[in-house]
Amino acid sequence: MIEVPQSFVVRQECEKAAYQNGYRRPLEERYGWRGFASTTVPGAIHMAATGTNGARL
């Protein structure tokens, strides 16, 4: 089951992973999926977390 809305820790980890990979423009969160876009590459990525024993990104 995907966390809806994302917890603070999951949101921070998603932001960190996206930023480190060049996706620095945050998009809105929908159904637990956090979106990010790049300023130089067309397209976007979306990340979510799930897990019964802690979040899995």
PDB file of N, CA and C in Angstrom:
ATOM      1  N   MET A   1       0.834  -1.169   0.000  1.00  0.00           N
ATOM      2  CA  MET A   1       0.000   0.000   0.000  1.00  0.00           C
ATOM      3  C   MET A   1       0.884   1.239   0.000  1.00  0.00           C
ATOM      4  N   ILE A   2       0.614   2.169  -0.865  1.00  0.00           N
ATOM      5  CA  ILE A   2       1.380   3.406  -0.964  1.00  0.00           C
ATOM      6  C   ILE A   2       0.927   4.378   0.116  1.00  0.00           C
ATOM      7  N   GLU A   3       1.890   5.056   0.747  1.00  0.00           N
ATOM      8  CA  GLU A   3       1.581   6.056   1.777  1.00  0.00           C
ATOM      9  C   GLU A   3       0.895   7.257   1.140  1.00  0.00           C
ATOM     10  N   VAL A   4      -0.311   7.581   1.614  1.00  0.00           N
ATOM     11  CA  VAL A   4      -1.042   8.760   1.127  1.00  0.00           C
ATOM     12  C   VAL A   4      -1.515   9.535   2.330  1.00  0.00           C
ATOM     13  N   PRO A   5      -1.137  10.767   2.544  1.00  0.00           N
ATOM     14  CA  PRO A   5      -0.036  11.457   1.869  1.00  0.00           C
ATOM     15  C   PRO A   5       1.301  10.934   2.362  1.00  0.00           C
ATOM     16  N   GLN A   6       2.352  11.304   1.656  1.00  0.00           N
ATOM     17  CA  GLN A   6       3.679  10.858   2.046  1.00  0.00           C
ATOM     18  C   GLN A   6       4.059  11.444   3.407  1.00  0.00           C
ATOM     19  N   SER A   7       4.735  10.626   4.205  1.00  0.00           N
ATOM     20  CA  SER A   7       5.235  11.116   5.490  1.00  0.00           C
ATOM     21  C   SER A   7       6.396  12.082   5.250  1.00  0.00           C
ATOM     22  N   PHE A   8       6.761  12.793   6.284  1.00  0.00           N
ATOM     23  CA  PHE A   8       7.852  13.758   6.182  1.00  0.00           C
ATOM     24  C   PHE A   8       9.142  13.086   5.722  1.00  0.00           C
ATOM     25  N   VAL A   9       9.475  11.948   6.307  1.00  0.00           N
ATOM     26  CA  VAL A   9      10.721  11.255   5.980  1.00  0.00           C
ATOM     27  C   VAL A   9      10.709  10.783   4.532  1.00  0.00           C
ATOM     28  N   VAL A  10       9.616  10.194   4.094  1.00  0.00           N
ATOM     29  CA  VAL A  10       9.514   9.717   2.711  1.00  0.00           C
ATOM     30  C   VAL A  10       9.615  10.891   1.744  1.00  0.00           C
ATOM     31  N   ARG A  11       8.921  11.965   2.043  1.00  0.00           N
ATOM     32  CA  ARG A  11       8.961  13.150   1.176  1.00  0.00           C
ATOM     33  C   ARG A  11      10.391  13.677   1.060  1.00  0.00           C
ATOM     34  N   GLN A  12      11.099  13.760   2.183  1.00  0.00           N
ATOM     35  CA  GLN A  12      12.485  14.257   2.179  1.00  0.00           C
ATOM     36  C   GLN A  12      13.396  13.343   1.360  1.00  0.00           C
ATOM     37  N   GLU A  13      13.235  12.040   1.512  1.00  0.00           N
ATOM     38  CA  GLU A  13      14.074  11.095   0.770  1.00  0.00           C
ATOM     39  C   GLU A  13      13.785  11.151  -0.724  1.00  0.00           C
ATOM     40  N   CYS A  14      12.528  11.293  -1.093  1.00  0.00           N
ATOM     41  CA  CYS A  14      12.177  11.426  -2.508  1.00  0.00           C
ATOM     42  C   CYS A  14      12.780  12.697  -3.087  1.00  0.00           C
ATOM     43  N   GLU A  15      12.680  13.792  -2.353  1.00  0.00           N
ATOM     44  CA  GLU A  15      13.247  15.062  -2.808  1.00  0.00           C
ATOM     45  C   GLU A  15      14.764  14.953  -2.965  1.00  0.00           C
ATOM     46  N   LYS A  16      15.415  14.309  -2.013  1.00  0.00           N
ATOM     47  CA  LYS A  16      16.871  14.161  -2.067  1.00  0.00           C
ATOM     48  C   LYS A  16      17.292  13.317  -3.277  1.00  0.00           C
ATOM     49  N   ALA A  17      16.620  12.199  -3.500  1.00  0.00           N
ATOM     50  CA  ALA A  17      16.957  11.328  -4.629  1.00  0.00           C
ATOM     51  C   ALA A  17      16.713  12.029  -5.957  1.00  0.00           C
ATOM     52  N   ALA A  18      15.602  12.741  -6.065  1.00  0.00           N
ATOM     53  CA  ALA A  18      15.297  13.454  -7.306  1.00  0.00           C
ATOM     54  C   ALA A  18      16.331  14.546  -7.556  1.00  0.00           C
ATOM     55  N   TYR A  19      16.652  15.323  -6.537  1.00  0.00           N
ATOM     56  CA  TYR A  19      17.600  16.423  -6.673  1.00  0.00           C
ATOM     57  C   TYR A  19      18.976  15.916  -7.091  1.00  0.00           C
ATOM     58  N   GLN A  20      19.422  14.826  -6.488  1.00  0.00           N
ATOM     59  CA  GLN A  20      20.746  14.281  -6.804  1.00  0.00           C
ATOM     60  C   GLN A  20      20.839  13.751  -8.229  1.00  0.00           C
ATOM     61  N   ASN A  21      19.684  13.486  -8.838  1.00  0.00           N
ATOM     62  CA  ASN A  21      19.660  12.960 -10.200  1.00  0.00           C
ATOM     63  C   ASN A  21      19.190  13.996 -11.224  1.00  0.00           C
ATOM     64  N   GLY A  22      19.183  15.265 -10.828  1.00  0.00           N
ATOM     65  CA  GLY A  22      18.908  16.335 -11.767  1.00  0.00           C
ATOM     66  C   GLY A  22      17.452  16.749 -11.904  1.00  0.00           C
ATOM     67  N   TYR A  23      16.566  16.172 -11.126  1.00  0.00           N
ATOM     68  CA  TYR A  23      15.147  16.534 -11.178  1.00  0.00           C
ATOM     69  C   TYR A  23      14.867  17.473 -10.007  1.00  0.00           C
ATOM     70  N   ARG A  24      15.021  18.751 -10.260  1.00  0.00           N
ATOM     71  CA  ARG A  24      14.995  19.736  -9.173  1.00  0.00           C
ATOM     72  C   ARG A  24      13.726  20.561  -9.102  1.00  0.00           C
ATOM     73  N   ARG A  25      12.796  20.362 -10.021  1.00  0.00           N
ATOM     74  CA  ARG A  25      11.524  21.094  -9.984  1.00  0.00           C
ATOM     75  C   ARG A  25      10.448  20.189  -9.391  1.00  0.00           C
ATOM     76  N   PRO A  26      10.008  20.464  -8.165  1.00  0.00           N
ATOM     77  CA  PRO A  26       8.977  19.613  -7.563  1.00  0.00           C
ATOM     78  C   PRO A  26       7.619  19.845  -8.231  1.00  0.00           C
ATOM     79  N   LEU A  27       6.896  18.765  -8.431  1.00  0.00           N
ATOM     80  CA  LEU A  27       5.527  18.809  -8.930  1.00  0.00           C
ATOM     81  C   LEU A  27       4.603  18.396  -7.789  1.00  0.00           C
ATOM     82  N   GLU A  28       3.326  18.471  -7.988  1.00  0.00           N
ATOM     83  CA  GLU A  28       2.392  18.124  -6.915  1.00  0.00           C
ATOM     84  C   GLU A  28       2.393  16.620  -6.634  1.00  0.00           C
ATOM     85  N   GLU A  29       1.918  16.284  -5.464  1.00  0.00           N
ATOM     86  CA  GLU A  29       1.771  14.885  -5.068  1.00  0.00           C
ATOM     87  C   GLU A  29       0.361  14.445  -5.397  1.00  0.00           C
ATOM     88  N   ARG A  30       0.237  13.286  -6.055  1.00  0.00           N
ATOM     89  CA  ARG A  30      -1.075  12.724  -6.384  1.00  0.00           C
ATOM     90  C   ARG A  30      -1.106  11.264  -5.987  1.00  0.00           C
ATOM     91  N   TYR A  31      -2.076  10.922  -5.164  1.00  0.00           N
ATOM     92  CA  TYR A  31      -2.284   9.534  -4.730  1.00  0.00           C
ATOM     93  C   TYR A  31      -1.028   8.920  -4.123  1.00  0.00           C
ATOM     94  N   GLY A  32      -0.220   9.736  -3.443  1.00  0.00           N
ATOM     95  CA  GLY A  32       0.992   9.242  -2.804  1.00  0.00           C
ATOM     96  C   GLY A  32       2.222   9.270  -3.690  1.00  0.00           C
ATOM     97  N   TRP A  33       2.064   9.640  -4.949  1.00  0.00           N
ATOM     98  CA  TRP A  33       3.186   9.721  -5.882  1.00  0.00           C
ATOM     99  C   TRP A  33       3.656  11.170  -5.962  1.00  0.00           C
ATOM    100  N   ARG A  34       4.914  11.406  -5.664  1.00  0.00           N
ATOM    101  CA  ARG A  34       5.504  12.740  -5.702  1.00  0.00           C
ATOM    102  C   ARG A  34       6.208  12.921  -7.040  1.00  0.00           C
ATOM    103  N   GLY A  35       5.904  13.994  -7.763  1.00  0.00           N
ATOM    104  CA  GLY A  35       6.472  14.224  -9.079  1.00  0.00           C
ATOM    105  C   GLY A  35       7.606  15.236  -9.058  1.00  0.00           C
ATOM    106  N   PHE A  36       8.539  15.060  -9.991  1.00  0.00           N
ATOM    107  CA  PHE A  36       9.668  15.970 -10.139  1.00  0.00           C
ATOM    108  C   PHE A  36       9.972  16.114 -11.625  1.00  0.00           C
ATOM    109  N   ALA A  37      10.357  17.312 -12.014  1.00  0.00           N
ATOM    110  CA  ALA A  37      10.728  17.577 -13.403  1.00  0.00           C
ATOM    111  C   ALA A  37      12.143  18.138 -13.441  1.00  0.00           C
ATOM    112  N   SER A  38      12.733  18.060 -14.614  1.00  0.00           N
ATOM    113  CA  SER A  38      14.079  18.594 -14.819  1.00  0.00           C
ATOM    114  C   SER A  38      13.982  19.876 -15.630  1.00  0.00           C
ATOM    115  N   THR A  39      14.918  20.768 -15.412  1.00  0.00           N
ATOM    116  CA  THR A  39      14.940  22.004 -16.189  1.00  0.00           C
ATOM    117  C   THR A  39      15.684  21.821 -17.507  1.00  0.00           C
ATOM    118  N   THR A  40      16.416  20.726 -17.662  1.00  0.00           N
ATOM    119  CA  THR A  40      17.200  20.505 -18.874  1.00  0.00           C
ATOM    120  C   THR A  40      16.766  19.290 -19.684  1.00  0.00           C
ATOM    121  N   VAL A  41      16.076  18.346 -19.082  1.00  0.00           N
ATOM    122  CA  VAL A  41      15.669  17.121 -19.755  1.00  0.00           C
ATOM    123  C   VAL A  41      14.140  17.081 -19.835  1.00  0.00           C
ATOM    124  N   PRO A  42      13.579  16.789 -21.005  1.00  0.00           N
ATOM    125  CA  PRO A  42      12.121  16.695 -21.085  1.00  0.00           C
ATOM    126  C   PRO A  42      11.610  15.479 -20.304  1.00  0.00           C
ATOM    127  N   GLY A  43      10.446  15.620 -19.736  1.00  0.00           N
ATOM    128  CA  GLY A  43       9.841  14.520 -18.989  1.00  0.00           C
ATOM    129  C   GLY A  43       9.852  14.769 -17.495  1.00  0.00           C
ATOM    130  N   ALA A  44       9.322  13.795 -16.773  1.00  0.00           N
ATOM    131  CA  ALA A  44       9.224  13.896 -15.317  1.00  0.00           C
ATOM    132  C   ALA A  44       9.354  12.503 -14.721  1.00  0.00           C
ATOM    133  N   ILE A  45       9.646  12.461 -13.422  1.00  0.00           N
ATOM    134  CA  ILE A  45       9.671  11.199 -12.683  1.00  0.00           C
ATOM    135  C   ILE A  45       8.676  11.325 -11.534  1.00  0.00           C
ATOM    136  N   HIS A  46       8.187  10.187 -11.067  1.00  0.00           N
ATOM    137  CA  HIS A  46       7.276  10.159  -9.927  1.00  0.00           C
ATOM    138  C   HIS A  46       7.757   9.068  -8.976  1.00  0.00           C
ATOM    139  N   MET A  47       7.768   9.381  -7.689  1.00  0.00           N
ATOM    140  CA  MET A  47       8.243   8.436  -6.683  1.00  0.00           C
ATOM    141  C   MET A  47       7.218   8.265  -5.577  1.00  0.00           C
ATOM    142  N   ALA A  48       7.169   7.056  -5.038  1.00  0.00           N
ATOM    143  CA  ALA A  48       6.282   6.739  -3.923  1.00  0.00           C
ATOM    144  C   ALA A  48       7.008   5.749  -3.018  1.00  0.00           C
ATOM    145  N   ALA A  49       6.416   5.474  -1.864  1.00  0.00           N
ATOM    146  CA  ALA A  49       7.003   4.515  -0.926  1.00  0.00           C
ATOM    147  C   ALA A  49       5.917   3.577  -0.432  1.00  0.00           C
ATOM    148  N   THR A  50       6.309   2.349  -0.177  1.00  0.00           N
ATOM    149  CA  THR A  50       5.388   1.356   0.355  1.00  0.00           C
ATOM    150  C   THR A  50       6.168   0.346   1.188  1.00  0.00           C
ATOM    151  N   GLY A  51       5.487  -0.358   2.046  1.00  0.00           N
ATOM    152  CA  GLY A  51       6.140  -1.397   2.829  1.00  0.00           C
ATOM    153  C   GLY A  51       5.464  -1.583   4.173  1.00  0.00           C
ATOM    154  N   THR A  52       5.414  -2.836   4.637  1.00  0.00           N
ATOM    155  CA  THR A  52       4.806  -3.125   5.915  1.00  0.00           C
ATOM    156  C   THR A  52       5.796  -2.968   7.070  1.00  0.00           C
ATOM    157  N   ASN A  53       7.081  -3.076   6.777  1.00  0.00           N
ATOM    158  CA  ASN A  53       8.120  -2.934   7.795  1.00  0.00           C
ATOM    159  C   ASN A  53       8.979  -1.707   7.541  1.00  0.00           C
ATOM    160  N   GLY A  54       8.369  -0.631   7.117  1.00  0.00           N
ATOM    161  CA  GLY A  54       9.101   0.579   6.795  1.00  0.00           C
ATOM    162  C   GLY A  54       8.960   0.903   5.334  1.00  0.00           C
ATOM    163  N   ALA A  55       9.301   2.096   4.996  1.00  0.00           N
ATOM    164  CA  ALA A  55       9.126   2.565   3.626  1.00  0.00           C
ATOM    165  C   ALA A  55      10.150   1.950   2.685  1.00  0.00           C
ATOM    166  N   ARG A  56       9.720   1.678   1.483  1.00  0.00           N
ATOM    167  CA  ARG A  56      10.589   1.233   0.400  1.00  0.00           C
ATOM    168  C   ARG A  56      10.394   2.216  -0.740  1.00  0.00           C
ATOM    169  N   LEU A  57      11.462   2.850  -1.163  1.00  0.00           N
ATOM    170  CA  LEU A  57      11.383   3.832  -2.241  1.00  0.00           C
ATOM    171  C   LEU A  57      11.581   3.163  -3.571  1.00  0.00           C
TER     172      LEU A  57
END
